[in-house]
Amino acid sequence: MESATFPGAKGSFQVLTNHAPLISTLAHGKITYVSRAEGRRSLEVDGGVVEVLNNKISVLVERLISQ
C-alpha cells in the first residue's frame, strides 16, 4: 500500500508507509487507497473505525455503500 485516505469523523486524513500507530472513527465518505498492484481504488462507507499498526491497516465499516 502506497497511501490511504480516510473520511475521519473530524476531517479526512492520509496514511503513508511507516505511519505512526493510530485508531480513528470514520464518518460517511470515501476511503481511497493506492497500491502498486491495484492502482487507485475507492470505497464509499457510512461510518466505522480504522486502526493503523506496524504498516497494516484494519478497517471496520458500519455500512459499505459502493465500491
PDB file of N, CA and C in Angstrom:
ATOM      1  N   MET A   1       0.851  -1.165   0.000  1.00  0.00           N
ATOM      2  CA  MET A   1       0.000   0.000   0.000  1.00  0.00           C
ATOM      3  C   MET A   1       0.898   1.229   0.000  1.00  0.00           C
ATOM      4  N   GLU A   2       0.673   2.089  -0.955  1.00  0.00           N
ATOM      5  CA  GLU A   2       1.430   3.334  -1.045  1.00  0.00           C
ATOM      6  C   GLU A   2       0.845   4.406  -0.126  1.00  0.00           C
ATOM      7  N   SER A   3      -0.483   4.531  -0.146  1.00  0.00           N
ATOM      8  CA  SER A   3      -1.158   5.516   0.692  1.00  0.00           C
ATOM      9  C   SER A   3      -2.634   5.149   0.811  1.00  0.00           C
ATOM     10  N   ALA A   4      -3.275   5.702   1.836  1.00  0.00           N
ATOM     11  CA  ALA A   4      -4.715   5.526   2.022  1.00  0.00           C
ATOM     12  C   ALA A   4      -5.260   6.811   2.629  1.00  0.00           C
ATOM     13  N   THR A   5      -6.426   7.235   2.160  1.00  0.00           N
ATOM     14  CA  THR A   5      -7.090   8.433   2.669  1.00  0.00           C
ATOM     15  C   THR A   5      -8.442   8.021   3.232  1.00  0.00           C
ATOM     16  N   PHE A   6      -8.751   8.545   4.429  1.00  0.00           N
ATOM     17  CA  PHE A   6      -9.955   8.147   5.145  1.00  0.00           C
ATOM     18  C   PHE A   6     -10.817   9.352   5.484  1.00  0.00           C
ATOM     19  N   PRO A   7     -12.152   9.174   5.530  1.00  0.00           N
ATOM     20  CA  PRO A   7     -13.049  10.245   5.958  1.00  0.00           C
ATOM     21  C   PRO A   7     -13.183  10.222   7.484  1.00  0.00           C
ATOM     22  N   GLY A   8     -12.241  10.798   8.167  1.00  0.00           N
ATOM     23  CA  GLY A   8     -12.267  10.813   9.628  1.00  0.00           C
ATOM     24  C   GLY A   8     -13.459  11.594  10.170  1.00  0.00           C
ATOM     25  N   ALA A   9     -13.873  11.268  11.369  1.00  0.00           N
ATOM     26  CA  ALA A   9     -15.013  11.946  11.990  1.00  0.00           C
ATOM     27  C   ALA A   9     -14.766  13.450  12.147  1.00  0.00           C
ATOM     28  N   LYS A  10     -13.486  13.849  12.257  1.00  0.00           N
ATOM     29  CA  LYS A  10     -13.163  15.273  12.410  1.00  0.00           C
ATOM     30  C   LYS A  10     -12.411  15.809  11.199  1.00  0.00           C
ATOM     31  N   GLY A  11     -12.570  15.142  10.054  1.00  0.00           N
ATOM     32  CA  GLY A  11     -11.911  15.575   8.819  1.00  0.00           C
ATOM     33  C   GLY A  11     -11.107  14.450   8.213  1.00  0.00           C
ATOM     34  N   SER A  12     -10.873  14.540   6.915  1.00  0.00           N
ATOM     35  CA  SER A  12     -10.160  13.458   6.240  1.00  0.00           C
ATOM     36  C   SER A  12      -8.673  13.486   6.620  1.00  0.00           C
ATOM     37  N   PHE A  13      -8.054  12.305   6.531  1.00  0.00           N
ATOM     38  CA  PHE A  13      -6.629  12.188   6.825  1.00  0.00           C
ATOM     39  C   PHE A  13      -6.019  11.107   5.950  1.00  0.00           C
ATOM     40  N   GLN A  14      -4.706  11.201   5.767  1.00  0.00           N
ATOM     41  CA  GLN A  14      -3.984  10.269   4.906  1.00  0.00           C
ATOM     42  C   GLN A  14      -2.981   9.477   5.719  1.00  0.00           C
ATOM     43  N   VAL A  15      -2.800   8.217   5.333  1.00  0.00           N
ATOM     44  CA  VAL A  15      -1.833   7.330   5.969  1.00  0.00           C
ATOM     45  C   VAL A  15      -0.827   6.900   4.904  1.00  0.00           C
ATOM     46  N   LEU A  16       0.460   7.018   5.222  1.00  0.00           N
ATOM     47  CA  LEU A  16       1.538   6.603   4.326  1.00  0.00           C
ATOM     48  C   LEU A  16       2.330   5.479   4.986  1.00  0.00           C
ATOM     49  N   THR A  17       3.240   4.871   4.252  1.00  0.00           N
ATOM     50  CA  THR A  17       4.105   3.823   4.797  1.00  0.00           C
ATOM     51  C   THR A  17       4.829   4.330   6.037  1.00  0.00           C
ATOM     52  N   ASN A  18       4.970   3.478   7.038  1.00  0.00           N
ATOM     53  CA  ASN A  18       5.634   3.779   8.315  1.00  0.00           C
ATOM     54  C   ASN A  18       4.914   4.844   9.134  1.00  0.00           C
ATOM     55  N   HIS A  19       3.611   4.971   8.941  1.00  0.00           N
ATOM     56  CA  HIS A  19       2.805   5.929   9.709  1.00  0.00           C
ATOM     57  C   HIS A  19       2.791   5.529  11.183  1.00  0.00           C
ATOM     58  N   ALA A  20       2.702   6.491  12.047  1.00  0.00           N
ATOM     59  CA  ALA A  20       2.589   6.226  13.488  1.00  0.00           C
ATOM     60  C   ALA A  20       1.301   5.451  13.768  1.00  0.00           C
ATOM     61  N   PRO A  21       1.285   4.614  14.798  1.00  0.00           N
ATOM     62  CA  PRO A  21       0.059   3.880  15.145  1.00  0.00           C
ATOM     63  C   PRO A  21      -1.080   4.844  15.452  1.00  0.00           C
ATOM     64  N   LEU A  22      -2.293   4.461  15.037  1.00  0.00           N
ATOM     65  CA  LEU A  22      -3.456   5.282  15.352  1.00  0.00           C
ATOM     66  C   LEU A  22      -4.730   4.454  15.277  1.00  0.00           C
ATOM     67  N   ILE A  23      -5.741   4.935  15.968  1.00  0.00           N
ATOM     68  CA  ILE A  23      -7.103   4.415  15.876  1.00  0.00           C
ATOM     69  C   ILE A  23      -7.992   5.638  15.716  1.00  0.00           C
ATOM     70  N   SER A  24      -8.923   5.582  14.740  1.00  0.00           N
ATOM     71  CA  SER A  24      -9.789   6.728  14.486  1.00  0.00           C
ATOM     72  C   SER A  24     -11.173   6.253  14.074  1.00  0.00           C
ATOM     73  N   THR A  25     -12.177   7.052  14.403  1.00  0.00           N
ATOM     74  CA  THR A  25     -13.520   6.784  13.910  1.00  0.00           C
ATOM     75  C   THR A  25     -13.654   7.365  12.506  1.00  0.00           C
ATOM     76  N   LEU A  26     -14.545   6.775  11.722  1.00  0.00           N
ATOM     77  CA  LEU A  26     -14.772   7.220  10.357  1.00  0.00           C
ATOM     78  C   LEU A  26     -16.178   7.783  10.216  1.00  0.00           C
ATOM     79  N   ALA A  27     -16.309   8.764   9.337  1.00  0.00           N
ATOM     80  CA  ALA A  27     -17.603   9.356   9.013  1.00  0.00           C
ATOM     81  C   ALA A  27     -18.045   8.833   7.648  1.00  0.00           C
ATOM     82  N   HIS A  28     -19.166   9.321   7.176  1.00  0.00           N
ATOM     83  CA  HIS A  28     -19.627   8.993   5.821  1.00  0.00           C
ATOM     84  C   HIS A  28     -18.646   9.610   4.825  1.00  0.00           C
ATOM     85  N   GLY A  29     -18.208   8.830   3.844  1.00  0.00           N
ATOM     86  CA  GLY A  29     -17.306   9.357   2.824  1.00  0.00           C
ATOM     87  C   GLY A  29     -16.562   8.252   2.113  1.00  0.00           C
ATOM     88  N   LYS A  30     -15.527   8.640   1.371  1.00  0.00           N
ATOM     89  CA  LYS A  30     -14.764   7.686   0.566  1.00  0.00           C
ATOM     90  C   LYS A  30     -13.437   7.341   1.219  1.00  0.00           C
ATOM     91  N   ILE A  31     -13.141   6.053   1.227  1.00  0.00           N
ATOM     92  CA  ILE A  31     -11.806   5.563   1.551  1.00  0.00           C
ATOM     93  C   ILE A  31     -11.126   5.355   0.203  1.00  0.00           C
ATOM     94  N   THR A  32      -9.997   5.992   0.003  1.00  0.00           N
ATOM     95  CA  THR A  32      -9.240   5.859  -1.236  1.00  0.00           C
ATOM     96  C   THR A  32      -7.874   5.303  -0.898  1.00  0.00           C
ATOM     97  N   TYR A  33      -7.428   4.302  -1.675  1.00  0.00           N
ATOM     98  CA  TYR A  33      -6.102   3.762  -1.432  1.00  0.00           C
ATOM     99  C   TYR A  33      -5.382   3.538  -2.749  1.00  0.00           C
ATOM    100  N   VAL A  34      -4.059   3.588  -2.678  1.00  0.00           N
ATOM    101  CA  VAL A  34      -3.205   3.413  -3.844  1.00  0.00           C
ATOM    102  C   VAL A  34      -2.215   2.303  -3.540  1.00  0.00           C
ATOM    103  N   SER A  35      -2.150   1.319  -4.435  1.00  0.00           N
ATOM    104  CA  SER A  35      -1.164   0.248  -4.295  1.00  0.00           C
ATOM    105  C   SER A  35      -0.504   0.010  -5.640  1.00  0.00           C
ATOM    106  N   ARG A  36       0.692  -0.530  -5.619  1.00  0.00           N
ATOM    107  CA  ARG A  36       1.389  -0.822  -6.874  1.00  0.00           C
ATOM    108  C   ARG A  36       0.618  -1.864  -7.681  1.00  0.00           C
ATOM    109  N   ALA A  37       0.064  -2.860  -7.016  1.00  0.00           N
ATOM    110  CA  ALA A  37      -0.622  -3.963  -7.703  1.00  0.00           C
ATOM    111  C   ALA A  37      -1.966  -3.553  -8.297  1.00  0.00           C
ATOM    112  N   GLU A  38      -2.752  -2.737  -7.565  1.00  0.00           N
ATOM    113  CA  GLU A  38      -4.120  -2.418  -7.989  1.00  0.00           C
ATOM    114  C   GLU A  38      -4.316  -0.991  -8.479  1.00  0.00           C
ATOM    115  N   GLY A  39      -3.338  -0.125  -8.309  1.00  0.00           N
ATOM    116  CA  GLY A  39      -3.518   1.274  -8.671  1.00  0.00           C
ATOM    117  C   GLY A  39      -4.391   1.976  -7.644  1.00  0.00           C
ATOM    118  N   ARG A  40      -5.151   2.976  -8.101  1.00  0.00           N
ATOM    119  CA  ARG A  40      -6.027   3.745  -7.201  1.00  0.00           C
ATOM    120  C   ARG A  40      -7.412   3.104  -7.162  1.00  0.00           C
ATOM    121  N   ARG A  41      -7.920   2.894  -5.951  1.00  0.00           N
ATOM    122  CA  ARG A  41      -9.250   2.313  -5.751  1.00  0.00           C
ATOM    123  C   ARG A  41      -9.957   3.103  -4.657  1.00  0.00           C
ATOM    124  N   SER A  42     -11.286   3.045  -4.641  1.00  0.00           N
ATOM    125  CA  SER A  42     -12.014   3.731  -3.573  1.00  0.00           C
ATOM    126  C   SER A  42     -13.267   2.957  -3.196  1.00  0.00           C
ATOM    127  N   LEU A  43     -13.688   3.176  -1.962  1.00  0.00           N
ATOM    128  CA  LEU A  43     -14.890   2.584  -1.392  1.00  0.00           C
ATOM    129  C   LEU A  43     -15.652   3.693  -0.683  1.00  0.00           C
ATOM    130  N   GLU A  44     -16.952   3.714  -0.816  1.00  0.00           N
ATOM    131  CA  GLU A  44     -17.747   4.678  -0.068  1.00  0.00           C
ATOM    132  C   GLU A  44     -18.338   3.970   1.141  1.00  0.00           C
ATOM    133  N   VAL A  45     -18.136   4.557   2.319  1.00  0.00           N
ATOM    134  CA  VAL A  45     -18.584   3.936   3.559  1.00  0.00           C
ATOM    135  C   VAL A  45     -19.468   4.900   4.342  1.00  0.00           C
ATOM    136  N   ASP A  46     -20.212   4.333   5.267  1.00  0.00           N
ATOM    137  CA  ASP A  46     -21.052   5.145   6.144  1.00  0.00           C
ATOM    138  C   ASP A  46     -20.658   4.855   7.583  1.00  0.00           C
ATOM    139  N   GLY A  47     -19.519   5.402   7.988  1.00  0.00           N
ATOM    140  CA  GLY A  47     -19.029   5.252   9.353  1.00  0.00           C
ATOM    141  C   GLY A  47     -18.199   4.006   9.560  1.00  0.00           C
ATOM    142  N   GLY A  48     -17.490   3.997  10.688  1.00  0.00           N
ATOM    143  CA  GLY A  48     -16.667   2.854  11.043  1.00  0.00           C
ATOM    144  C   GLY A  48     -15.477   3.258  11.888  1.00  0.00           C
ATOM    145  N   VAL A  49     -14.482   2.361  11.907  1.00  0.00           N
ATOM    146  CA  VAL A  49     -13.262   2.563  12.695  1.00  0.00           C
ATOM    147  C   VAL A  49     -12.079   2.085  11.866  1.00  0.00           C
ATOM    148  N   VAL A  50     -10.940   2.774  11.968  1.00  0.00           N
ATOM    149  CA  VAL A  50      -9.708   2.351  11.302  1.00  0.00           C
ATOM    150  C   VAL A  50      -8.593   2.263  12.335  1.00  0.00           C
ATOM    151  N   GLU A  51      -7.743   1.254  12.188  1.00  0.00           N
ATOM    152  CA  GLU A  51      -6.561   1.099  13.027  1.00  0.00           C
ATOM    153  C   GLU A  51      -5.350   0.963  12.119  1.00  0.00           C
ATOM    154  N   VAL A  52      -4.287   1.686  12.437  1.00  0.00           N
ATOM    155  CA  VAL A  52      -3.020   1.592  11.716  1.00  0.00           C
ATOM    156  C   VAL A  52      -1.975   1.148  12.721  1.00  0.00           C
ATOM    157  N   LEU A  53      -1.299   0.023  12.426  1.00  0.00           N
ATOM    158  CA  LEU A  53      -0.304  -0.515  13.349  1.00  0.00           C
ATOM    159  C   LEU A  53       0.700  -1.357  12.564  1.00  0.00           C
ATOM    160  N   ASN A  54       1.964  -1.022  12.684  1.00  0.00           N
ATOM    161  CA  ASN A  54       3.049  -1.785  12.041  1.00  0.00           C
ATOM    162  C   ASN A  54       2.836  -1.973  10.540  1.00  0.00           C
ATOM    163  N   ASN A  55       2.514  -0.884   9.840  1.00  0.00           N
ATOM    164  CA  ASN A  55       2.291  -0.895   8.391  1.00  0.00           C
ATOM    165  C   ASN A  55       1.130  -1.781   7.948  1.00  0.00           C
ATOM    166  N   LYS A  56       0.187  -2.036   8.839  1.00  0.00           N
ATOM    167  CA  LYS A  56      -1.036  -2.756   8.497  1.00  0.00           C
ATOM    168  C   LYS A  56      -2.220  -1.867   8.842  1.00  0.00           C
ATOM    169  N   ILE A  57      -3.198  -1.844   7.945  1.00  0.00           N
ATOM    170  CA  ILE A  57      -4.399  -1.037   8.151  1.00  0.00           C
ATOM    171  C   ILE A  57      -5.592  -1.979   8.275  1.00  0.00           C
ATOM    172  N   SER A  58      -6.330  -1.834   9.368  1.00  0.00           N
ATOM    173  CA  SER A  58      -7.559  -2.615   9.577  1.00  0.00           C
ATOM    174  C   SER A  58      -8.729  -1.649   9.619  1.00  0.00           C
ATOM    175  N   VAL A  59      -9.771  -1.964   8.845  1.00  0.00           N
ATOM    176  CA  VAL A  59     -10.939  -1.093   8.767  1.00  0.00           C
ATOM    177  C   VAL A  59     -12.191  -1.905   9.064  1.00  0.00           C
ATOM    178  N   LEU A  60     -13.012  -1.401   9.962  1.00  0.00           N
ATOM    179  CA  LEU A  60     -14.315  -1.987  10.264  1.00  0.00           C
ATOM    180  C   LEU A  60     -15.351  -0.926   9.910  1.00  0.00           C
ATOM    181  N   VAL A  61     -16.185  -1.193   8.907  1.00  0.00           N
ATOM    182  CA  VAL A  61     -17.161  -0.191   8.476  1.00  0.00           C
ATOM    183  C   VAL A  61     -18.558  -0.574   8.961  1.00  0.00           C
ATOM    184  N   GLU A  62     -19.346   0.441   9.244  1.00  0.00           N
ATOM    185  CA  GLU A  62     -20.737   0.214   9.629  1.00  0.00           C
ATOM    186  C   GLU A  62     -21.548  -0.220   8.420  1.00  0.00           C
ATOM    187  N   ARG A  63     -21.290   0.430   7.275  1.00  0.00           N
ATOM    188  CA  ARG A  63     -22.014   0.074   6.057  1.00  0.00           C
ATOM    189  C   ARG A  63     -21.180   0.450   4.843  1.00  0.00           C
ATOM    190  N   LEU A  64     -21.013  -0.494   3.920  1.00  0.00           N
ATOM    191  CA  LEU A  64     -20.336  -0.246   2.651  1.00  0.00           C
ATOM    192  C   LEU A  64     -21.394   0.204   1.658  1.00  0.00           C
ATOM    193  N   ILE A  65     -21.216   1.405   1.104  1.00  0.00           N
ATOM    194  CA  ILE A  65     -22.220   1.960   0.207  1.00  0.00           C
ATOM    195  C   ILE A  65     -21.925   1.568  -1.246  1.00  0.00           C
ATOM    196  N   SER A  66     -20.673   1.712  -1.680  1.00  0.00           N
ATOM    197  CA  SER A  66     -20.317   1.320  -3.051  1.00  0.00           C
ATOM    198  C   SER A  66     -18.834   1.078  -3.164  1.00  0.00           C
ATOM    199  N   GLN A  67     -18.478   0.318  -4.206  1.00  0.00           N
ATOM    200  CA  GLN A  67     -17.067   0.047  -4.491  1.00  0.00           C
ATOM    201  C   GLN A  67     -16.704   0.653  -5.807  1.00  0.00           C
TER     202      GLN A  67
END
